[in-house]
PDB file of all heavy atoms in Angstrom:
ATOM      1  N   SER A   1      29.754  29.689  44.660  1.00  0.00           N
ATOM      2  CA  SER A   1      29.021  28.867  45.590  1.00  0.00           C
ATOM      3  C   SER A   1      27.875  28.095  44.876  1.00  0.00           C
ATOM      4  O   SER A   1      27.437  28.568  43.775  1.00  0.00           O
ATOM      5  CB  SER A   1      28.392  29.764  46.693  1.00  0.00           C
ATOM      6  OG  SER A   1      27.311  30.543  46.116  1.00  0.00           O
ATOM      7  N   PRO A   2      27.416  27.010  45.401  1.00  0.00           N
ATOM      8  CA  PRO A   2      26.281  26.294  44.777  1.00  0.00           C
ATOM      9  C   PRO A   2      25.083  27.187  44.628  1.00  0.00           C
ATOM     10  O   PRO A   2      24.334  27.099  43.607  1.00  0.00           O
ATOM     11  CB  PRO A   2      26.022  25.115  45.755  1.00  0.00           C
ATOM     12  CG  PRO A   2      27.310  24.906  46.457  1.00  0.00           C
ATOM     13  CD  PRO A   2      27.962  26.291  46.563  1.00  0.00           C
ATOM     14  N   GLU A   3      24.795  28.057  45.604  1.00  0.00           N
ATOM     15  CA  GLU A   3      23.653  28.955  45.527  1.00  0.00           C
ATOM     16  C   GLU A   3      23.821  29.924  44.329  1.00  0.00           C
ATOM     17  O   GLU A   3      22.845  30.192  43.617  1.00  0.00           O
ATOM     18  CB  GLU A   3      23.517  29.756  46.819  1.00  0.00           C
ATOM     19  CG  GLU A   3      23.149  28.904  48.045  1.00  0.00           C
ATOM     20  CD  GLU A   3      24.340  28.202  48.649  1.00  0.00           C
ATOM     21  OE1 GLU A   3      25.504  28.580  48.393  1.00  0.00           O
ATOM     22  OE2 GLU A   3      24.133  27.217  49.406  1.00  0.00           O
ATOM     23  N   GLN A   4      25.000  30.446  44.175  1.00  0.00           N
ATOM     24  CA  GLN A   4      25.259  31.400  43.081  1.00  0.00           C
ATOM     25  C   GLN A   4      25.139  30.696  41.741  1.00  0.00           C
ATOM     26  O   GLN A   4      24.555  31.195  40.812  1.00  0.00           O
ATOM     27  CB  GLN A   4      26.660  32.035  43.242  1.00  0.00           C
ATOM     28  CG  GLN A   4      26.873  33.165  42.279  1.00  0.00           C
ATOM     29  CD  GLN A   4      28.255  33.822  42.568  1.00  0.00           C
ATOM     30  OE1 GLN A   4      29.107  33.309  43.257  1.00  0.00           O
ATOM     31  NE2 GLN A   4      28.396  35.040  42.031  1.00  0.00           N
ATOM     32  N   TYR A   5      25.643  29.478  41.651  1.00  0.00           N
ATOM     33  CA  TYR A   5      25.523  28.677  40.475  1.00  0.00           C
ATOM     34  C   TYR A   5      24.074  28.423  40.095  1.00  0.00           C
ATOM     35  O   TYR A   5      23.649  28.588  38.951  1.00  0.00           O
ATOM     36  CB  TYR A   5      26.241  27.352  40.641  1.00  0.00           C
ATOM     37  CG  TYR A   5      26.120  26.372  39.503  1.00  0.00           C
ATOM     38  CD1 TYR A   5      26.804  26.581  38.288  1.00  0.00           C
ATOM     39  CD2 TYR A   5      25.312  25.253  39.603  1.00  0.00           C
ATOM     40  CE1 TYR A   5      26.688  25.720  37.262  1.00  0.00           C
ATOM     41  CE2 TYR A   5      25.149  24.386  38.564  1.00  0.00           C
ATOM     42  CZ  TYR A   5      25.801  24.597  37.386  1.00  0.00           C
ATOM     43  OH  TYR A   5      25.684  23.726  36.323  1.00  0.00           O
ATOM     44  N   MET A   6      23.239  28.063  41.121  1.00  0.00           N
ATOM     45  CA  MET A   6      21.854  27.814  40.851  1.00  0.00           C
ATOM     46  C   MET A   6      21.090  29.087  40.445  1.00  0.00           C
ATOM     47  O   MET A   6      20.192  29.062  39.614  1.00  0.00           O
ATOM     48  CB  MET A   6      21.205  27.205  42.096  1.00  0.00           C
ATOM     49  CG  MET A   6      21.691  25.791  42.422  1.00  0.00           C
ATOM     50  SD  MET A   6      21.590  24.654  41.047  1.00  0.00           S
ATOM     51  CE  MET A   6      19.819  24.491  40.894  1.00  0.00           C
ATOM     52  N   LYS A   7      21.576  30.248  40.944  1.00  0.00           N
ATOM     53  CA  LYS A   7      20.961  31.488  40.577  1.00  0.00           C
ATOM     54  C   LYS A   7      21.239  31.779  39.137  1.00  0.00           C
ATOM     55  O   LYS A   7      20.382  32.239  38.395  1.00  0.00           O
ATOM     56  CB  LYS A   7      21.499  32.609  41.481  1.00  0.00           C
ATOM     57  CG  LYS A   7      20.812  33.968  41.212  1.00  0.00           C
ATOM     58  CD  LYS A   7      21.254  34.995  42.199  1.00  0.00           C
ATOM     59  CE  LYS A   7      20.633  36.331  41.874  1.00  0.00           C
ATOM     60  NZ  LYS A   7      21.033  37.420  42.745  1.00  0.00           N
ATOM     61  N   TYR A   8      22.485  31.489  38.679  1.00  0.00           N
ATOM     62  CA  TYR A   8      22.783  31.684  37.274  1.00  0.00           C
ATOM     63  C   TYR A   8      21.918  30.779  36.375  1.00  0.00           C
ATOM     64  O   TYR A   8      21.374  31.186  35.353  1.00  0.00           O
ATOM     65  CB  TYR A   8      24.258  31.353  37.016  1.00  0.00           C
ATOM     66  CG  TYR A   8      25.198  32.516  37.209  1.00  0.00           C
ATOM     67  CD1 TYR A   8      26.044  32.605  38.251  1.00  0.00           C
ATOM     68  CD2 TYR A   8      25.198  33.583  36.262  1.00  0.00           C
ATOM     69  CE1 TYR A   8      26.858  33.690  38.458  1.00  0.00           C
ATOM     70  CE2 TYR A   8      26.046  34.654  36.421  1.00  0.00           C
ATOM     71  CZ  TYR A   8      26.855  34.716  37.476  1.00  0.00           C
ATOM     72  OH  TYR A   8      27.701  35.765  37.706  1.00  0.00           O
ATOM     73  N   LEU A   9      21.788  29.496  36.801  1.00  0.00           N
ATOM     74  CA  LEU A   9      20.964  28.587  36.037  1.00  0.00           C
ATOM     75  C   LEU A   9      19.509  29.052  35.922  1.00  0.00           C
ATOM     76  O   LEU A   9      18.833  28.982  34.866  1.00  0.00           O
ATOM     77  CB  LEU A   9      20.988  27.177  36.637  1.00  0.00           C
ATOM     78  CG  LEU A   9      22.262  26.382  36.483  1.00  0.00           C
ATOM     79  CD1 LEU A   9      22.139  25.010  37.132  1.00  0.00           C
ATOM     80  CD2 LEU A   9      22.675  26.276  35.008  1.00  0.00           C
ATOM     81  N   SER A  10      19.016  29.560  37.045  1.00  0.00           N
ATOM     82  CA  SER A  10      17.594  30.044  37.011  1.00  0.00           C
ATOM     83  C   SER A  10      17.489  31.277  36.135  1.00  0.00           C
ATOM     84  O   SER A  10      16.497  31.345  35.372  1.00  0.00           O
ATOM     85  CB  SER A  10      17.232  30.421  38.498  1.00  0.00           C
ATOM     86  OG  SER A  10      15.971  31.009  38.512  1.00  0.00           O
ATOM     87  N   SER A  11      18.467  32.152  36.172  1.00  0.00           N
ATOM     88  CA  SER A  11      18.459  33.349  35.298  1.00  0.00           C
ATOM     89  C   SER A  11      18.528  32.955  33.842  1.00  0.00           C
ATOM     90  O   SER A  11      17.860  33.575  33.021  1.00  0.00           O
ATOM     91  CB  SER A  11      19.610  34.279  35.656  1.00  0.00           C
ATOM     92  OG  SER A  11      19.460  34.798  36.939  1.00  0.00           O
ATOM     93  N   ILE A  12      19.306  31.940  33.524  1.00  0.00           N
ATOM     94  CA  ILE A  12      19.424  31.535  32.155  1.00  0.00           C
ATOM     95  C   ILE A  12      18.082  30.933  31.706  1.00  0.00           C
ATOM     96  O   ILE A  12      17.593  31.251  30.627  1.00  0.00           O
ATOM     97  CB  ILE A  12      20.547  30.457  31.990  1.00  0.00           C
ATOM     98  CG1 ILE A  12      21.881  31.064  32.212  1.00  0.00           C
ATOM     99  CG2 ILE A  12      20.457  29.687  30.658  1.00  0.00           C
ATOM    100  CD1 ILE A  12      23.017  30.064  32.449  1.00  0.00           C
ATOM    101  N   ARG A  13      17.463  30.145  32.507  1.00  0.00           N
ATOM    102  CA  ARG A  13      16.193  29.554  32.208  1.00  0.00           C
ATOM    103  C   ARG A  13      15.123  30.610  31.961  1.00  0.00           C
ATOM    104  O   ARG A  13      14.373  30.563  31.025  1.00  0.00           O
ATOM    105  CB  ARG A  13      15.751  28.618  33.307  1.00  0.00           C
ATOM    106  CG  ARG A  13      14.887  27.462  32.895  1.00  0.00           C
ATOM    107  CD  ARG A  13      14.649  26.446  34.045  1.00  0.00           C
ATOM    108  NE  ARG A  13      15.791  25.751  34.456  1.00  0.00           N
ATOM    109  CZ  ARG A  13      16.459  25.904  35.626  1.00  0.00           C
ATOM    110  NH1 ARG A  13      15.973  26.693  36.529  1.00  0.00           N
ATOM    111  NH2 ARG A  13      17.545  25.223  35.898  1.00  0.00           N
ATOM    112  N   ASN A  14      15.130  31.609  32.855  1.00  0.00           N
ATOM    113  CA  ASN A  14      14.173  32.727  32.709  1.00  0.00           C
ATOM    114  C   ASN A  14      14.366  33.491  31.465  1.00  0.00           C
ATOM    115  O   ASN A  14      13.390  33.865  30.771  1.00  0.00           O
ATOM    116  CB  ASN A  14      14.238  33.650  33.938  1.00  0.00           C
ATOM    117  CG  ASN A  14      13.710  32.987  35.168  1.00  0.00           C
ATOM    118  OD1 ASN A  14      12.933  32.050  35.114  1.00  0.00           O
ATOM    119  ND2 ASN A  14      14.186  33.499  36.326  1.00  0.00           N
ATOM    120  N   PHE A  15      15.643  33.763  31.114  1.00  0.00           N
ATOM    121  CA  PHE A  15      15.927  34.489  29.892  1.00  0.00           C
ATOM    122  C   PHE A  15      15.464  33.666  28.657  1.00  0.00           C
ATOM    123  O   PHE A  15      14.804  34.267  27.771  1.00  0.00           O
ATOM    124  CB  PHE A  15      17.378  34.803  29.795  1.00  0.00           C
ATOM    125  CG  PHE A  15      17.773  35.366  28.454  1.00  0.00           C
ATOM    126  CD1 PHE A  15      17.491  36.677  28.153  1.00  0.00           C
ATOM    127  CD2 PHE A  15      18.403  34.602  27.468  1.00  0.00           C
ATOM    128  CE1 PHE A  15      17.783  37.235  26.925  1.00  0.00           C
ATOM    129  CE2 PHE A  15      18.724  35.128  26.264  1.00  0.00           C
ATOM    130  CZ  PHE A  15      18.394  36.467  25.953  1.00  0.00           C
ATOM    131  N   LEU A  16      15.808  32.390  28.609  1.00  0.00           N
ATOM    132  CA  LEU A  16      15.470  31.596  27.453  1.00  0.00           C
ATOM    133  C   LEU A  16      13.961  31.450  27.267  1.00  0.00           C
ATOM    134  O   LEU A  16      13.496  31.218  26.127  1.00  0.00           O
ATOM    135  CB  LEU A  16      16.144  30.212  27.496  1.00  0.00           C
ATOM    136  CG  LEU A  16      17.616  30.250  27.396  1.00  0.00           C
ATOM    137  CD1 LEU A  16      18.238  28.870  27.659  1.00  0.00           C
ATOM    138  CD2 LEU A  16      18.080  30.765  26.065  1.00  0.00           C
ATOM    139  N   ASN A  17      13.198  31.589  28.353  1.00  0.00           N
ATOM    140  CA  ASN A  17      11.753  31.482  28.262  1.00  0.00           C
ATOM    141  C   ASN A  17      11.106  32.911  28.060  1.00  0.00           C
ATOM    142  O   ASN A  17       9.897  32.977  28.026  1.00  0.00           O
ATOM    143  CB  ASN A  17      11.186  30.825  29.497  1.00  0.00           C
ATOM    144  CG  ASN A  17      11.530  29.364  29.529  1.00  0.00           C
ATOM    145  OD1 ASN A  17      11.481  28.696  28.495  1.00  0.00           O
ATOM    146  ND2 ASN A  17      11.861  28.833  30.673  1.00  0.00           N
ATOM    147  N   SER A  18      11.903  33.910  27.890  1.00  0.00           N
ATOM    148  CA  SER A  18      11.356  35.254  27.763  1.00  0.00           C
ATOM    149  C   SER A  18      11.291  35.706  26.280  1.00  0.00           C
ATOM    150  O   SER A  18      11.940  35.042  25.389  1.00  0.00           O
ATOM    151  CB  SER A  18      12.211  36.244  28.547  1.00  0.00           C
ATOM    152  OG  SER A  18      13.428  36.527  27.842  1.00  0.00           O
ATOM    153  N   LYS A  19      10.638  36.787  26.023  1.00  0.00           N
ATOM    154  CA  LYS A  19      10.603  37.333  24.672  1.00  0.00           C
ATOM    155  C   LYS A  19      11.977  37.880  24.187  1.00  0.00           C
ATOM    156  O   LYS A  19      12.233  37.925  23.044  1.00  0.00           O
ATOM    157  CB  LYS A  19       9.558  38.447  24.580  1.00  0.00           C
ATOM    158  CG  LYS A  19       8.125  37.957  24.726  1.00  0.00           C
ATOM    159  CD  LYS A  19       7.144  39.058  24.603  1.00  0.00           C
ATOM    160  CE  LYS A  19       5.691  38.510  24.738  1.00  0.00           C
ATOM    161  NZ  LYS A  19       4.693  39.567  24.641  1.00  0.00           N
ATOM    162  N   LYS A  20      12.787  38.249  25.176  1.00  0.00           N
ATOM    163  CA  LYS A  20      14.109  38.754  24.841  1.00  0.00           C
ATOM    164  C   LYS A  20      14.952  37.737  24.109  1.00  0.00           C
ATOM    165  O   LYS A  20      15.769  38.099  23.254  1.00  0.00           O
ATOM    166  CB  LYS A  20      14.839  39.190  26.129  1.00  0.00           C
ATOM    167  CG  LYS A  20      14.277  40.420  26.788  1.00  0.00           C
ATOM    168  CD  LYS A  20      15.036  40.718  28.040  1.00  0.00           C
ATOM    169  CE  LYS A  20      14.436  41.875  28.788  1.00  0.00           C
ATOM    170  NZ  LYS A  20      15.199  42.187  30.052  1.00  0.00           N
ATOM    171  N   ALA A  21      14.767  36.481  24.437  1.00  0.00           N
ATOM    172  CA  ALA A  21      15.545  35.402  23.792  1.00  0.00           C
ATOM    173  C   ALA A  21      15.194  35.229  22.318  1.00  0.00           C
ATOM    174  O   ALA A  21      16.020  34.739  21.580  1.00  0.00           O
ATOM    175  CB  ALA A  21      15.411  34.041  24.567  1.00  0.00           C
ATOM    176  N   HIS A  22      13.991  35.679  21.952  1.00  0.00           N
ATOM    177  CA  HIS A  22      13.569  35.524  20.564  1.00  0.00           C
ATOM    178  C   HIS A  22      14.505  36.188  19.597  1.00  0.00           C
ATOM    179  O   HIS A  22      14.759  35.748  18.480  1.00  0.00           O
ATOM    180  CB  HIS A  22      12.161  36.034  20.353  1.00  0.00           C
ATOM    181  CG  HIS A  22      11.669  36.020  18.945  1.00  0.00           C
ATOM    182  ND1 HIS A  22      11.405  34.798  18.322  1.00  0.00           N
ATOM    183  CD2 HIS A  22      11.517  36.975  18.071  1.00  0.00           C
ATOM    184  CE1 HIS A  22      11.075  35.093  17.076  1.00  0.00           C
ATOM    185  NE2 HIS A  22      11.110  36.393  16.888  1.00  0.00           N
ATOM    186  N   LYS A  23      15.121  37.351  20.019  1.00  0.00           N
ATOM    187  CA  LYS A  23      16.050  38.086  19.170  1.00  0.00           C
ATOM    188  C   LYS A  23      17.256  37.231  18.775  1.00  0.00           C
ATOM    189  O   LYS A  23      17.934  37.560  17.827  1.00  0.00           O
ATOM    190  CB  LYS A  23      16.553  39.347  19.920  1.00  0.00           C
ATOM    191  CG  LYS A  23      15.487  40.371  20.202  1.00  0.00           C
ATOM    192  CD  LYS A  23      16.038  41.542  20.974  1.00  0.00           C
ATOM    193  CE  LYS A  23      14.989  42.502  21.399  1.00  0.00           C
ATOM    194  NZ  LYS A  23      15.527  43.603  22.201  1.00  0.00           N
ATOM    195  N   LEU A  24      17.540  36.210  19.560  1.00  0.00           N
ATOM    196  CA  LEU A  24      18.712  35.348  19.316  1.00  0.00           C
ATOM    197  C   LEU A  24      18.272  34.019  18.583  1.00  0.00           C
ATOM    198  O   LEU A  24      19.149  33.174  18.426  1.00  0.00           O
ATOM    199  CB  LEU A  24      19.434  34.982  20.609  1.00  0.00           C
ATOM    200  CG  LEU A  24      19.859  36.197  21.440  1.00  0.00           C
ATOM    201  CD1 LEU A  24      20.429  35.720  22.769  1.00  0.00           C
ATOM    202  CD2 LEU A  24      20.888  37.007  20.694  1.00  0.00           C
ATOM    203  N   SER A  25      17.038  33.961  18.204  1.00  0.00           N
ATOM    204  CA  SER A  25      16.591  32.711  17.557  1.00  0.00           C
ATOM    205  C   SER A  25      17.093  32.549  16.178  1.00  0.00           C
ATOM    206  O   SER A  25      17.471  33.468  15.502  1.00  0.00           O
ATOM    207  CB  SER A  25      15.023  32.655  17.544  1.00  0.00           C
ATOM    208  OG  SER A  25      14.560  33.565  16.566  1.00  0.00           O
ATOM    209  N   MET A  26      17.047  31.334  15.666  1.00  0.00           N
ATOM    210  CA  MET A  26      17.534  30.993  14.329  1.00  0.00           C
ATOM    211  C   MET A  26      16.696  31.726  13.283  1.00  0.00           C
ATOM    212  O   MET A  26      17.198  32.252  12.273  1.00  0.00           O
ATOM    213  CB  MET A  26      17.497  29.516  14.087  1.00  0.00           C
ATOM    214  CG  MET A  26      18.044  29.113  12.735  1.00  0.00           C
ATOM    215  SD  MET A  26      19.849  29.480  12.517  1.00  0.00           S
ATOM    216  CE  MET A  26      20.512  28.227  13.521  1.00  0.00           C
ATOM    217  N   ASP A  27      15.385  31.811  13.490  1.00  0.00           N
ATOM    218  CA  ASP A  27      14.462  32.491  12.571  1.00  0.00           C
ATOM    219  C   ASP A  27      14.866  33.970  12.388  1.00  0.00           C
ATOM    220  O   ASP A  27      14.920  34.508  11.277  1.00  0.00           O
ATOM    221  CB  ASP A  27      13.027  32.391  13.042  1.00  0.00           C
ATOM    222  CG  ASP A  27      12.436  31.041  12.896  1.00  0.00           C
ATOM    223  OD1 ASP A  27      12.973  30.240  12.068  1.00  0.00           O
ATOM    224  OD2 ASP A  27      11.504  30.768  13.620  1.00  0.00           O
ATOM    225  N   VAL A  28      15.155  34.673  13.500  1.00  0.00           N
ATOM    226  CA  VAL A  28      15.530  36.060  13.405  1.00  0.00           C
ATOM    227  C   VAL A  28      16.850  36.174  12.718  1.00  0.00           C
ATOM    228  O   VAL A  28      17.074  37.077  11.885  1.00  0.00           O
ATOM    229  CB  VAL A  28      15.565  36.682  14.839  1.00  0.00           C
ATOM    230  CG1 VAL A  28      16.183  38.049  14.824  1.00  0.00           C
ATOM    231  CG2 VAL A  28      14.182  36.706  15.430  1.00  0.00           C
ATOM    232  N   TRP A  29      17.819  35.312  13.034  1.00  0.00           N
ATOM    233  CA  TRP A  29      19.130  35.320  12.426  1.00  0.00           C
ATOM    234  C   TRP A  29      19.015  35.109  10.861  1.00  0.00           C
ATOM    235  O   TRP A  29      19.613  35.838  10.128  1.00  0.00           O
ATOM    236  CB  TRP A  29      20.010  34.246  13.005  1.00  0.00           C
ATOM    237  CG  TRP A  29      21.435  34.291  12.580  1.00  0.00           C
ATOM    238  CD1 TRP A  29      22.415  35.160  13.068  1.00  0.00           C
ATOM    239  CD2 TRP A  29      21.997  33.555  11.505  1.00  0.00           C
ATOM    240  NE1 TRP A  29      23.563  34.894  12.368  1.00  0.00           N
ATOM    241  CE2 TRP A  29      23.345  33.955  11.385  1.00  0.00           C
ATOM    242  CE3 TRP A  29      21.530  32.585  10.638  1.00  0.00           C
ATOM    243  CZ2 TRP A  29      24.199  33.387  10.418  1.00  0.00           C
ATOM    244  CZ3 TRP A  29      22.359  32.027   9.706  1.00  0.00           C
ATOM    245  CH2 TRP A  29      23.698  32.445   9.628  1.00  0.00           C
ATOM    246  N   ILE A  30      18.211  34.154  10.487  1.00  0.00           N
ATOM    247  CA  ILE A  30      18.034  33.885   9.064  1.00  0.00           C
ATOM    248  C   ILE A  30      17.407  35.089   8.333  1.00  0.00           C
ATOM    249  O   ILE A  30      17.839  35.497   7.212  1.00  0.00           O
ATOM    250  CB  ILE A  30      17.187  32.572   8.816  1.00  0.00           C
ATOM    251  CG1 ILE A  30      18.088  31.386   9.252  1.00  0.00           C
ATOM    252  CG2 ILE A  30      16.731  32.462   7.414  1.00  0.00           C
ATOM    253  CD1 ILE A  30      17.291  30.069   9.270  1.00  0.00           C
ATOM    254  N   ASN A  31      16.362  35.655   8.941  1.00  0.00           N
ATOM    255  CA  ASN A  31      15.734  36.829   8.286  1.00  0.00           C
ATOM    256  C   ASN A  31      16.672  38.007   8.182  1.00  0.00           C
ATOM    257  O   ASN A  31      16.687  38.705   7.214  1.00  0.00           O
ATOM    258  CB  ASN A  31      14.484  37.210   9.087  1.00  0.00           C
ATOM    259  CG  ASN A  31      13.317  36.222   8.851  1.00  0.00           C
ATOM    260  OD1 ASN A  31      13.247  35.621   7.778  1.00  0.00           O
ATOM    261  ND2 ASN A  31      12.488  36.059   9.838  1.00  0.00           N
ATOM    262  N   THR A  32      17.505  38.231   9.222  1.00  0.00           N
ATOM    263  CA  THR A  32      18.481  39.285   9.161  1.00  0.00           C
ATOM    264  C   THR A  32      19.469  39.060   8.080  1.00  0.00           C
ATOM    265  O   THR A  32      19.814  39.985   7.322  1.00  0.00           O
ATOM    266  CB  THR A  32      19.154  39.401  10.540  1.00  0.00           C
ATOM    267  OG1 THR A  32      18.213  39.675  11.567  1.00  0.00           O
ATOM    268  CG2 THR A  32      20.208  40.547  10.546  1.00  0.00           C
ATOM    269  N   LEU A  33      19.941  37.832   7.962  1.00  0.00           N
ATOM    270  CA  LEU A  33      20.881  37.481   6.909  1.00  0.00           C
ATOM    271  C   LEU A  33      20.292  37.643   5.513  1.00  0.00           C
ATOM    272  O   LEU A  33      20.897  38.243   4.626  1.00  0.00           O
ATOM    273  CB  LEU A  33      21.354  36.020   7.127  1.00  0.00           C
ATOM    274  CG  LEU A  33      22.406  35.514   6.149  1.00  0.00           C
ATOM    275  CD1 LEU A  33      23.678  36.380   6.286  1.00  0.00           C
ATOM    276  CD2 LEU A  33      22.708  34.066   6.481  1.00  0.00           C
ATOM    277  N   LYS A  34      19.063  37.215   5.349  1.00  0.00           N
ATOM    278  CA  LYS A  34      18.400  37.347   4.064  1.00  0.00           C
ATOM    279  C   LYS A  34      18.273  38.857   3.675  1.00  0.00           C
ATOM    280  O   LYS A  34      18.488  39.228   2.518  1.00  0.00           O
ATOM    281  CB  LYS A  34      16.997  36.719   4.059  1.00  0.00           C
ATOM    282  CG  LYS A  34      17.018  35.209   3.945  1.00  0.00           C
ATOM    283  CD  LYS A  34      15.688  34.590   3.647  1.00  0.00           C
ATOM    284  CE  LYS A  34      14.543  35.008   4.541  1.00  0.00           C
ATOM    285  NZ  LYS A  34      13.351  34.178   4.386  1.00  0.00           N
ATOM    286  N   LYS A  35      17.821  39.696   4.652  1.00  0.00           N
ATOM    287  CA  LYS A  35      17.677  41.116   4.361  1.00  0.00           C
ATOM    288  C   LYS A  35      19.023  41.693   3.957  1.00  0.00           C
ATOM    289  O   LYS A  35      19.086  42.528   3.059  1.00  0.00           O
ATOM    290  CB  LYS A  35      17.084  41.811   5.583  1.00  0.00           C
ATOM    291  CG  LYS A  35      15.652  41.525   5.836  1.00  0.00           C
ATOM    292  CD  LYS A  35      15.164  42.180   7.081  1.00  0.00           C
ATOM    293  CE  LYS A  35      13.732  41.788   7.411  1.00  0.00           C
ATOM    294  NZ  LYS A  35      13.307  42.340   8.720  1.00  0.00           N
ATOM    295  N   SER A  36      20.083  41.304   4.641  1.00  0.00           N
ATOM    296  CA  SER A  36      21.398  41.828   4.310  1.00  0.00           C
ATOM    297  C   SER A  36      21.837  41.423   2.951  1.00  0.00           C
ATOM    298  O   SER A  36      22.387  42.234   2.183  1.00  0.00           O
ATOM    299  CB  SER A  36      22.423  41.370   5.330  1.00  0.00           C
ATOM    300  OG  SER A  36      22.161  41.840   6.616  1.00  0.00           O
ATOM    301  N   ILE A  37      21.621  40.194   2.566  1.00  0.00           N
ATOM    302  CA  ILE A  37      21.968  39.733   1.191  1.00  0.00           C
ATOM    303  C   ILE A  37      21.098  40.473   0.114  1.00  0.00           C
ATOM    304  O   ILE A  37      21.685  40.905  -0.884  1.00  0.00           O
ATOM    305  CB  ILE A  37      21.751  38.220   1.099  1.00  0.00           C
ATOM    306  CG1 ILE A  37      22.818  37.516   1.944  1.00  0.00           C
ATOM    307  CG2 ILE A  37      21.833  37.734  -0.341  1.00  0.00           C
ATOM    308  CD1 ILE A  37      22.544  36.025   2.165  1.00  0.00           C
ATOM    309  N   LEU A  38      19.868  40.643   0.385  1.00  0.00           N
ATOM    310  CA  LEU A  38      19.014  41.367  -0.556  1.00  0.00           C
ATOM    311  C   LEU A  38      19.486  42.798  -0.719  1.00  0.00           C
ATOM    312  O   LEU A  38      19.464  43.297  -1.822  1.00  0.00           O
ATOM    313  CB  LEU A  38      17.553  41.304  -0.143  1.00  0.00           C
ATOM    314  CG  LEU A  38      16.891  39.914  -0.253  1.00  0.00           C
ATOM    315  CD1 LEU A  38      15.522  39.945   0.366  1.00  0.00           C
ATOM    316  CD2 LEU A  38      16.854  39.455  -1.718  1.00  0.00           C
TER     317      LEU A  38
END
């Protein structure tokens, strides 16, 4: 439904603006990769 679709969009927006999304950032990914290589 359009309402359900909008709820998903809102949830996505809220997640991307939260601290939880930082774990998926490029900076975190690069640092994890560097540590693994080291």
